[in-house]
Amino acid sequence: MSTETDLVILGGGSGGYATALRARQLGLSVTLVERDRLGGTCLHQGCVPTKALLHAAELADAARAAPAHGVLASFDGVDMAGVHAYKDRVVERLHTGLQGLVKASGATYVEGEGRMVAPRSVEVDGQVHTGTSLVLATGSRPRSIPGVELGSRVVTSDEALRLDEVPERVVVIGGSVIGVELASVWRSFGAEVTIVEGLPSLVPLEDPAIGRQLERAFRRRGIGFRTDAMVRGVSSSASEVAVTLEGGDVLTADLVLVAVGRGPVTAGLGYEDHGVELARGWVVVDDRLRTSVPGVYAVGDLVPGLQLAHRGFAHGIFVAEEVAGLSPDPVEDADIPRVTYCEPEIASVGLTEPRAREIHGDVTTYEYDLAGNGKSQILGTTGFVKVVRQAGGPIVGVHLLGTRMGEQVGEASLMVNWEAFPEDVAQFVHAHPTQNEALGEAALALAGKPLHAHGRS
């Protein structure tokens, strides 16, 4: 048996379902294939459940801090069953809503394990689905460390989201997004946490100023970390797990989280068998997300670069419009906002200062300290807003650190993507008292007319 549609999409995560929904809006017939649950990693093992845990962690911290604000409350511990029930309710509501969107769109939804069996054809349970175009959207999975055996005491982020109790001592291997977010959760829940990162800084892909300030903030929170530290081995016993570092130091804990990134899901799916070029497992694409096989595209985590749900959404919309002949502008990673939801939060868009200097040569920067921001003082957060501009030119990067600063990245994204000059942004009135004012203050300073100057160039 076989079916034919304009578009066959293998994978129903962020990139896949976004492709399907936009393609249906454009009048294309669509077959969407998903082996597990619609919504993929982001909805079920990533963005949404981790942020639900982080909100629960924020409430734990708020309970501890309540007496200092005149509120009679106390922190008495964490009921992990209750936390999971709350998290799962959020996920299920969103999953139900997404199922309704896909059904209402008119896309044909196929549940089952799909495999590429010919250019632009996917087989599921003996039935072949062929499209005029095929979109590969099979996503990613947590990476492991060679020689490190996973088990009850050594877990990836997938297992970490299902723990039934808060471990007393945790070692997190990997100091990027997943590692610092879950380290932040466990510390708020009361665990002793140490992060091990092989590079010289936590969150090494962020602007260096972000890494330095995050390390200071983590020290204040009692989160330990070892940077420039490589793991030589991990061994478990019935009662604990030991992480041995190069140089011989040994860290003992009740749980080890392996958070060394995510790799693409491409093995055994027939991609290479039918001409799709891979590089270390990633699907090779051009700037229009076309693979080496005519009519075959790849989106989301399969494509080297940022691993973000909203990048997947953008890829999916782009491919649907490309197939429909609308010639959309390519999706550039540097233009995509990035948020790490630890405490304090990290948000950024555009170029880091070192990268901006590589590309543009002379740049000007300004860091506005949140100590001068009224709402940040009310929230009790420290941090900063850093704006990077090409000398005499537009803003090319914005980097933020502080409680809830992820909510401010929207305006930062507009600044960078519309190539705004600080003088342009300085003309807009920012409401007081809001953290959003910090962006306006940084722009005012770069425009040469600081108001509440509380930063440095």
Protein backbone atom coordinates (compact mmCIF):
# COMPACT_ATOMS: atom_id res chain seq x y z
CA MET A 1 0.00 0.00 0.00
CA SER A 2 1.17 3.55 -0.61
CA THR A 3 -0.01 7.14 -0.30
CA GLU A 4 1.13 10.31 -2.03
CA THR A 5 1.02 13.89 -0.72
CA ASP A 6 2.83 17.13 -1.47
CA LEU A 7 4.89 16.79 1.70
CA VAL A 8 5.91 13.82 3.84
CA ILE A 9 7.44 14.76 7.19
CA LEU A 10 9.38 12.20 9.23
CA GLY A 11 9.22 13.34 12.85
CA GLY A 12 6.52 15.18 14.79
CA GLY A 13 8.65 17.33 17.10
CA SER A 14 9.03 21.11 16.95
CA GLY A 15 10.46 21.22 13.42
CA GLY A 16 8.20 18.54 12.01
CA TYR A 17 4.84 19.76 13.26
CA ALA A 18 5.70 23.39 12.46
CA THR A 19 6.39 22.31 8.88
CA ALA A 20 3.06 20.48 8.76
CA LEU A 21 0.97 23.33 10.16
CA ARG A 22 2.49 26.00 7.90
CA ALA A 23 2.29 23.75 4.84
CA ARG A 24 -1.41 23.13 5.45
CA GLN A 25 -1.98 26.90 5.79
CA LEU A 26 -0.43 27.21 2.33
CA GLY A 27 -2.73 24.56 0.86
CA LEU A 28 -0.22 21.70 0.60
CA SER A 29 -1.27 18.14 1.35
CA VAL A 30 0.77 16.71 4.24
CA THR A 31 1.59 13.35 5.82
CA LEU A 32 3.19 13.69 9.26
CA VAL A 33 4.88 10.58 10.72
CA GLU A 34 5.81 10.29 14.42
CA ARG A 35 7.02 7.16 16.23
CA ASP A 36 6.33 8.38 19.77
CA ARG A 37 4.27 11.36 20.97
CA LEU A 38 3.46 14.45 18.94
CA GLY A 39 5.55 17.36 20.17
CA GLY A 40 8.82 15.47 20.42
CA THR A 41 11.67 16.14 22.82
CA CYS A 42 10.75 19.75 23.58
CA LEU A 43 7.27 18.98 24.83
CA HIS A 44 7.92 15.67 26.55
CA GLN A 45 11.60 15.45 27.61
CA GLY A 46 13.02 18.93 27.15
CA CYS A 47 11.86 22.55 27.12
CA VAL A 48 8.46 22.26 28.76
CA PRO A 49 9.06 19.71 31.55
CA THR A 50 12.43 21.22 32.51
CA LYS A 51 10.92 24.71 32.72
CA ALA A 52 8.10 23.34 34.88
CA LEU A 53 10.77 21.97 37.24
CA LEU A 54 12.55 25.31 37.17
CA HIS A 55 9.32 27.09 38.13
CA ALA A 56 8.88 24.69 41.05
CA ALA A 57 12.49 25.49 42.01
CA GLU A 58 11.70 29.22 41.85
CA LEU A 59 8.80 28.65 44.26
CA ALA A 60 11.12 26.77 46.63
CA ASP A 61 13.54 29.70 46.62
CA ALA A 62 10.65 32.14 47.12
CA ALA A 63 9.45 30.17 50.15
CA ARG A 64 12.92 30.40 51.70
CA ALA A 65 13.07 34.14 51.02
CA ALA A 66 9.50 34.92 52.15
CA PRO A 67 10.32 36.01 55.76
CA ALA A 68 12.75 38.64 54.45
CA HIS A 69 9.78 40.20 52.64
CA GLY A 70 7.46 40.12 55.64
CA VAL A 71 5.58 37.04 54.45
CA LEU A 72 5.10 34.27 57.01
CA ALA A 73 6.07 31.16 55.06
CA SER A 74 8.73 28.48 55.25
CA PHE A 75 10.38 25.90 53.04
CA ASP A 76 9.65 22.41 54.38
CA GLY A 77 10.96 20.30 51.50
CA VAL A 78 9.99 19.03 48.08
CA ASP A 79 7.30 16.45 47.27
CA MET A 80 8.64 15.06 44.01
CA ALA A 81 5.42 13.17 43.30
CA GLY A 82 3.57 16.49 43.51
CA VAL A 83 6.17 18.23 41.36
CA HIS A 84 5.85 15.56 38.68
CA ALA A 85 2.04 15.71 38.82
CA TYR A 86 2.20 19.47 38.21
CA LYS A 87 4.78 19.06 35.41
CA ASP A 88 2.78 16.29 33.74
CA ARG A 89 -0.43 18.32 33.83
CA VAL A 90 1.28 21.13 31.95
CA VAL A 91 2.71 18.73 29.38
CA GLU A 92 -0.60 16.94 28.85
CA ARG A 93 -2.57 20.14 28.36
CA LEU A 94 -0.11 21.30 25.72
CA HIS A 95 -0.04 17.85 24.10
CA THR A 96 -3.81 17.75 23.86
CA GLY A 97 -3.86 21.23 22.35
CA LEU A 98 -1.20 20.31 19.80
CA GLN A 99 -3.08 17.17 18.78
CA GLY A 100 -6.12 19.35 18.18
CA LEU A 101 -4.13 21.80 16.04
CA VAL A 102 -2.72 19.06 13.82
CA LYS A 103 -6.11 17.36 13.44
CA ALA A 104 -7.83 20.66 12.64
CA SER A 105 -5.17 21.49 10.05
CA GLY A 106 -6.19 18.53 7.90
CA ALA A 107 -2.75 16.93 7.90
CA THR A 108 -2.67 13.13 7.77
CA TYR A 109 -1.07 11.97 11.02
CA VAL A 110 0.61 8.55 11.02
CA GLU A 111 1.75 6.93 14.25
CA GLY A 112 4.61 4.46 13.93
CA GLU A 113 8.30 3.93 13.31
CA GLY A 114 9.17 5.50 9.97
CA ARG A 115 12.19 4.79 7.78
CA MET A 116 13.36 6.33 4.52
CA VAL A 117 13.04 3.62 1.83
CA ALA A 118 13.54 5.71 -1.32
CA PRO A 119 14.17 9.35 -2.18
CA ARG A 120 11.09 11.19 -0.83
CA SER A 121 9.48 7.99 0.51
CA VAL A 122 8.98 6.76 4.08
CA GLU A 123 7.71 3.34 5.14
CA VAL A 124 5.66 2.88 8.31
CA ASP A 125 4.37 -0.57 9.28
CA GLY A 126 4.51 -1.80 5.69
CA GLN A 127 2.84 1.24 4.15
CA VAL A 128 4.88 3.59 1.96
CA HIS A 129 4.19 7.34 2.09
CA THR A 130 5.67 9.34 -0.79
CA GLY A 131 5.85 13.09 -1.09
CA THR A 132 6.75 15.51 -3.82
CA SER A 133 9.09 16.68 -1.06
CA LEU A 134 10.34 14.89 2.08
CA VAL A 135 11.30 16.65 5.32
CA LEU A 136 13.58 14.87 7.79
CA ALA A 137 12.79 15.98 11.35
CA THR A 138 13.83 13.10 13.60
CA GLY A 139 15.45 15.30 16.24
CA SER A 140 18.11 14.49 18.81
CA ARG A 141 18.83 12.42 21.90
CA PRO A 142 21.14 12.91 24.91
CA ARG A 143 24.80 12.14 24.27
CA SER A 144 26.68 9.73 26.51
CA ILE A 145 30.36 9.62 27.43
CA PRO A 146 32.37 6.70 25.95
CA GLY A 147 33.18 4.24 28.70
CA VAL A 148 30.63 5.65 31.14
CA GLU A 149 27.80 3.22 31.81
CA LEU A 150 24.38 4.69 32.49
CA GLY A 151 22.32 3.27 35.32
CA SER A 152 20.29 4.16 38.39
CA ARG A 153 23.02 6.51 39.68
CA VAL A 154 24.36 7.77 36.32
CA VAL A 155 21.64 9.36 34.21
CA THR A 156 20.94 11.67 31.28
CA SER A 157 18.42 14.49 31.27
CA ASP A 158 15.69 12.04 30.18
CA GLU A 159 15.97 10.06 33.41
CA ALA A 160 16.62 13.15 35.51
CA LEU A 161 13.14 14.42 34.69
CA ARG A 162 11.61 11.32 36.28
CA LEU A 163 13.53 11.08 39.57
CA ASP A 164 11.22 10.21 42.46
CA GLU A 165 13.34 11.94 45.11
CA VAL A 166 15.82 14.77 45.43
CA PRO A 167 19.38 13.42 45.62
CA GLU A 168 21.51 14.76 48.47
CA ARG A 169 24.67 15.13 46.35
CA VAL A 170 24.83 15.57 42.58
CA VAL A 171 27.73 15.83 40.15
CA VAL A 172 26.75 17.34 36.79
CA ILE A 173 29.11 16.53 33.92
CA GLY A 174 28.75 19.39 31.46
CA GLY A 175 28.33 23.09 32.19
CA SER A 176 26.26 24.22 29.22
CA VAL A 177 22.50 24.75 29.02
CA ILE A 178 21.17 21.39 30.25
CA GLY A 179 23.80 21.07 32.95
CA VAL A 180 23.37 24.51 34.53
CA GLU A 181 19.56 24.36 34.34
CA LEU A 182 19.28 21.06 36.20
CA ALA A 183 22.06 22.06 38.60
CA SER A 184 19.97 25.13 39.39
CA VAL A 185 16.84 23.01 39.99
CA TRP A 186 18.56 20.58 42.32
CA ARG A 187 20.24 23.33 44.32
CA SER A 188 16.89 25.06 44.82
CA PHE A 189 15.44 21.73 45.94
CA GLY A 190 18.19 21.44 48.57
CA ALA A 191 20.85 19.25 46.96
CA GLU A 192 24.61 19.77 47.12
CA VAL A 193 25.66 20.27 43.48
CA THR A 194 29.00 20.33 41.67
CA ILE A 195 29.35 20.96 37.93
CA VAL A 196 32.33 19.62 35.97
CA GLU A 197 33.05 21.44 32.70
CA GLY A 198 35.95 20.65 30.37
CA LEU A 199 36.21 24.17 28.93
CA PRO A 200 37.50 27.21 30.85
CA SER A 201 34.05 28.64 31.63
CA LEU A 202 30.49 27.64 32.35
CA VAL A 203 28.12 28.23 29.41
CA PRO A 204 31.16 28.49 27.09
CA LEU A 205 29.13 29.42 24.00
CA GLU A 206 27.86 32.61 25.65
CA ASP A 207 29.62 35.97 25.82
CA PRO A 208 32.58 35.70 28.26
CA ALA A 209 31.00 38.32 30.54
CA ILE A 210 27.98 36.02 30.98
CA GLY A 211 30.16 33.08 32.00
CA ARG A 212 32.08 35.15 34.57
CA GLN A 213 28.95 36.61 36.14
CA LEU A 214 27.14 33.25 36.20
CA GLU A 215 30.05 31.69 38.05
CA ARG A 216 29.88 34.46 40.67
CA ALA A 217 26.14 33.96 41.03
CA PHE A 218 26.51 30.19 41.38
CA ARG A 219 29.16 30.64 44.07
CA ARG A 220 26.71 32.81 46.02
CA ARG A 221 24.06 30.12 45.65
CA GLY A 222 26.44 27.43 46.86
CA ILE A 223 26.67 25.62 43.52
CA GLY A 224 30.18 24.24 43.12
CA PHE A 225 31.91 23.91 39.78
CA ARG A 226 35.18 22.74 38.31
CA THR A 227 36.11 24.25 34.94
CA ASP A 228 39.02 23.16 32.73
CA ALA A 229 38.34 19.74 34.25
CA MET A 230 38.10 16.55 32.21
CA VAL A 231 36.40 13.37 33.44
CA ARG A 232 38.62 10.29 33.41
CA GLY A 233 36.07 7.80 34.70
CA VAL A 234 32.81 7.19 36.55
CA SER A 235 32.24 4.21 38.85
CA SER A 236 29.14 3.26 40.81
CA SER A 237 28.60 1.23 43.96
CA ALA A 238 25.43 0.32 45.82
CA SER A 239 25.60 3.46 47.93
CA GLU A 240 27.26 6.18 45.80
CA VAL A 241 28.96 7.08 42.54
CA ALA A 242 32.49 8.43 42.07
CA VAL A 243 33.69 10.75 39.31
CA THR A 244 37.44 10.71 38.75
CA LEU A 245 38.97 13.75 37.10
CA GLU A 246 42.20 14.01 35.15
CA GLY A 247 44.83 14.74 37.78
CA GLY A 248 43.31 12.22 40.17
CA ASP A 249 40.69 14.23 42.08
CA VAL A 250 37.59 12.19 42.93
CA LEU A 251 34.10 13.65 43.44
CA THR A 252 31.56 11.43 45.20
CA ALA A 253 27.81 11.82 44.92
CA ASP A 254 24.49 10.04 45.06
CA LEU A 255 23.74 10.87 41.43
CA VAL A 256 25.69 11.86 38.32
CA LEU A 257 23.99 13.71 35.46
CA VAL A 258 25.67 13.32 32.07
CA ALA A 259 24.86 16.61 30.31
CA VAL A 260 27.41 16.75 27.50
CA GLY A 261 24.98 17.77 24.79
CA ARG A 262 22.64 16.03 22.36
CA GLY A 263 23.33 14.13 19.17
CA PRO A 264 21.19 13.70 16.04
CA VAL A 265 18.78 10.78 15.58
CA THR A 266 19.80 9.51 12.15
CA ALA A 267 21.22 6.00 12.65
CA GLY A 268 19.25 3.14 11.10
CA LEU A 269 16.70 5.37 9.39
CA GLY A 270 17.90 4.77 5.82
CA TYR A 271 19.17 8.27 5.20
CA GLU A 272 22.63 7.39 3.90
CA ASP A 273 21.26 4.37 2.05
CA HIS A 274 19.31 6.74 -0.17
CA GLY A 275 21.94 9.40 -0.73
CA VAL A 276 21.49 11.81 2.18
CA GLU A 277 24.92 13.08 3.17
CA LEU A 278 25.75 12.91 6.88
CA ALA A 279 28.67 14.41 8.79
CA ARG A 280 29.26 12.74 12.19
CA GLY A 281 25.58 11.89 12.21
CA TRP A 282 24.31 15.37 11.36
CA VAL A 283 22.41 15.91 8.10
CA VAL A 284 24.36 18.17 5.75
CA VAL A 285 22.21 20.97 4.29
CA ASP A 286 22.70 24.20 2.39
CA ASP A 287 21.39 27.59 3.50
CA ARG A 288 17.95 26.63 2.22
CA LEU A 289 17.90 23.44 4.31
CA ARG A 290 18.18 21.23 1.22
CA THR A 291 20.01 17.94 1.63
CA SER A 292 22.16 16.23 -0.99
CA VAL A 293 19.01 14.52 -2.35
CA PRO A 294 16.75 16.70 -4.53
CA GLY A 295 13.40 17.33 -2.89
CA VAL A 296 14.62 16.25 0.57
CA TYR A 297 15.02 18.80 3.39
CA ALA A 298 16.12 18.59 7.02
CA VAL A 299 15.04 20.76 9.95
CA GLY A 300 15.68 21.27 13.66
CA ASP A 301 18.19 19.32 15.71
CA LEU A 302 19.27 17.21 12.72
CA VAL A 303 20.95 20.31 11.29
CA PRO A 304 24.25 21.33 12.93
CA GLY A 305 23.91 24.47 15.03
CA LEU A 306 21.70 25.68 17.84
CA GLN A 307 19.46 23.00 19.36
CA LEU A 308 16.39 25.04 20.21
CA ALA A 309 12.70 24.36 19.72
CA HIS A 310 12.08 27.81 18.26
CA ARG A 311 14.87 27.21 15.74
CA GLY A 312 12.95 24.08 14.76
CA PHE A 313 9.75 26.13 14.40
CA ALA A 314 11.58 28.64 12.20
CA HIS A 315 13.10 25.87 10.07
CA GLY A 316 9.70 24.24 9.63
CA ILE A 317 8.01 27.46 8.56
CA PHE A 318 10.90 28.19 6.18
CA VAL A 319 10.75 24.77 4.48
CA ALA A 320 6.96 24.87 4.09
CA GLU A 321 7.21 28.28 2.45
CA GLU A 322 10.16 27.19 0.32
CA VAL A 323 8.27 24.17 -0.98
CA ALA A 324 5.26 26.42 -1.66
CA GLY A 325 7.46 28.69 -3.79
CA LEU A 326 7.46 31.75 -1.53
CA SER A 327 11.29 32.11 -1.45
CA PRO A 328 11.58 32.99 2.27
CA ASP A 329 14.73 34.45 3.80
CA PRO A 330 17.11 31.82 5.24
CA VAL A 331 17.14 31.20 9.00
CA GLU A 332 20.41 32.45 10.53
CA ASP A 333 21.48 30.97 13.87
CA ALA A 334 23.05 34.25 15.02
CA ASP A 335 19.66 35.96 14.74
CA ILE A 336 17.86 33.42 16.96
CA PRO A 337 17.34 34.37 20.64
CA ARG A 338 18.78 31.96 23.20
CA VAL A 339 17.66 31.52 26.82
CA THR A 340 19.15 29.37 29.59
CA TYR A 341 16.60 29.10 32.40
CA CYS A 342 18.90 28.64 35.37
CA GLU A 343 18.81 31.10 38.28
CA PRO A 344 19.88 33.70 37.35
CA GLU A 345 18.57 33.40 33.79
CA ILE A 346 20.74 33.94 30.73
CA ALA A 347 19.32 35.45 27.54
CA SER A 348 21.19 36.47 24.41
CA VAL A 349 20.81 37.17 20.72
CA GLY A 350 23.31 38.08 18.04
CA LEU A 351 27.08 38.10 18.30
CA THR A 352 29.24 37.79 21.39
CA GLU A 353 31.80 40.54 21.82
CA PRO A 354 34.74 38.34 20.64
CA ARG A 355 32.80 37.17 17.60
CA ALA A 356 31.69 40.72 16.78
CA ARG A 357 35.33 41.85 16.86
CA GLU A 358 36.28 39.02 14.49
CA ILE A 359 33.61 40.05 12.00
CA HIS A 360 33.43 43.83 12.37
CA GLY A 361 36.80 44.78 13.83
CA ASP A 362 36.04 47.81 15.97
CA VAL A 363 33.03 47.45 18.28
CA THR A 364 31.61 49.38 21.21
CA THR A 365 30.00 47.74 24.24
CA TYR A 366 28.10 48.85 27.32
CA GLU A 367 27.17 46.81 30.38
CA TYR A 368 24.27 48.16 32.43
CA ASP A 369 24.34 46.81 35.98
CA LEU A 370 20.93 45.68 37.28
CA ALA A 371 21.84 47.31 40.60
CA GLY A 372 20.52 50.49 38.98
CA ASN A 373 17.21 48.92 37.93
CA GLY A 374 14.32 49.37 40.35
CA LYS A 375 12.37 46.21 39.44
CA SER A 376 15.52 44.08 39.68
CA GLN A 377 16.10 45.42 43.18
CA ILE A 378 12.50 44.57 44.08
CA LEU A 379 13.09 41.02 42.80
CA GLY A 380 16.42 40.85 44.62
CA THR A 381 18.43 39.92 41.57
CA THR A 382 21.86 40.93 40.39
CA GLY A 383 23.16 40.82 36.83
CA PHE A 384 23.54 43.04 33.81
CA VAL A 385 22.52 43.90 30.27
CA LYS A 386 25.36 44.02 27.76
CA VAL A 387 24.86 45.61 24.35
CA VAL A 388 27.42 45.18 21.54
CA ARG A 389 27.37 47.55 18.58
CA GLN A 390 29.47 47.80 15.48
CA ALA A 391 31.49 50.99 15.95
CA GLY A 392 29.32 53.81 14.62
CA GLY A 393 26.81 51.23 13.41
CA PRO A 394 23.93 49.03 14.53
CA ILE A 395 23.52 46.79 17.56
CA VAL A 396 24.88 43.32 16.69
CA GLY A 397 24.53 41.52 20.02
CA VAL A 398 22.61 41.71 23.30
CA HIS A 399 23.45 39.60 26.37
CA LEU A 400 21.43 39.55 29.60
CA LEU A 401 21.85 37.89 33.00
CA GLY A 402 19.42 38.09 35.93
CA THR A 403 16.18 36.73 37.33
CA ARG A 404 13.47 36.59 34.61
CA MET A 405 15.73 38.20 32.02
CA GLY A 406 14.60 35.61 29.45
CA GLU A 407 11.38 37.62 29.26
CA GLN A 408 13.36 40.61 27.95
CA VAL A 409 14.99 38.86 25.00
CA GLY A 410 12.10 39.72 22.67
CA GLU A 411 13.06 43.39 22.44
CA ALA A 412 16.72 42.40 22.25
CA SER A 413 15.88 40.20 19.27
CA LEU A 414 14.14 43.09 17.51
CA MET A 415 17.17 45.32 18.12
CA VAL A 416 19.54 42.83 16.49
CA ASN A 417 17.34 41.56 13.69
CA TRP A 418 16.17 45.03 12.62
CA GLU A 419 19.78 46.25 12.84
CA ALA A 420 18.74 49.06 15.17
CA PHE A 421 21.14 51.80 16.16
CA PRO A 422 21.31 52.63 19.89
CA GLU A 423 20.07 56.09 18.93
CA ASP A 424 16.94 54.45 17.48
CA VAL A 425 16.20 52.44 20.62
CA ALA A 426 16.91 55.43 22.86
CA GLN A 427 13.91 57.21 21.34
CA PHE A 428 11.49 54.60 22.73
CA VAL A 429 10.04 55.11 26.21
CA HIS A 430 10.44 52.07 28.47
CA ALA A 431 7.91 51.63 31.27
CA HIS A 432 9.02 52.18 34.86
CA PRO A 433 9.61 50.20 37.00
CA THR A 434 10.34 47.22 34.75
CA GLN A 435 13.41 45.17 34.01
CA ASN A 436 12.80 46.12 30.39
CA GLU A 437 14.10 49.57 31.30
CA ALA A 438 17.59 48.09 31.53
CA LEU A 439 17.63 47.61 27.76
CA GLY A 440 16.58 51.22 27.28
CA GLU A 441 19.23 52.44 29.72
CA ALA A 442 21.97 50.52 27.91
CA ALA A 443 20.83 51.98 24.58
CA LEU A 444 20.75 55.49 26.06
CA ALA A 445 24.31 55.05 27.32
CA LEU A 446 25.58 53.81 23.94
CA ALA A 447 23.78 56.73 22.29
CA GLY A 448 25.81 59.09 24.47
CA LYS A 449 23.01 60.23 26.79
CA PRO A 450 22.91 57.95 29.82
CA LEU A 451 20.11 58.67 32.30
CA HIS A 452 20.65 56.41 35.32
CA ALA A 453 24.22 55.53 34.35
CA HIS A 454 25.05 52.40 36.32
CA GLY A 455 27.37 50.42 34.11
CA ARG A 456 30.57 50.40 32.14
CA SER A 457 31.72 50.57 28.56
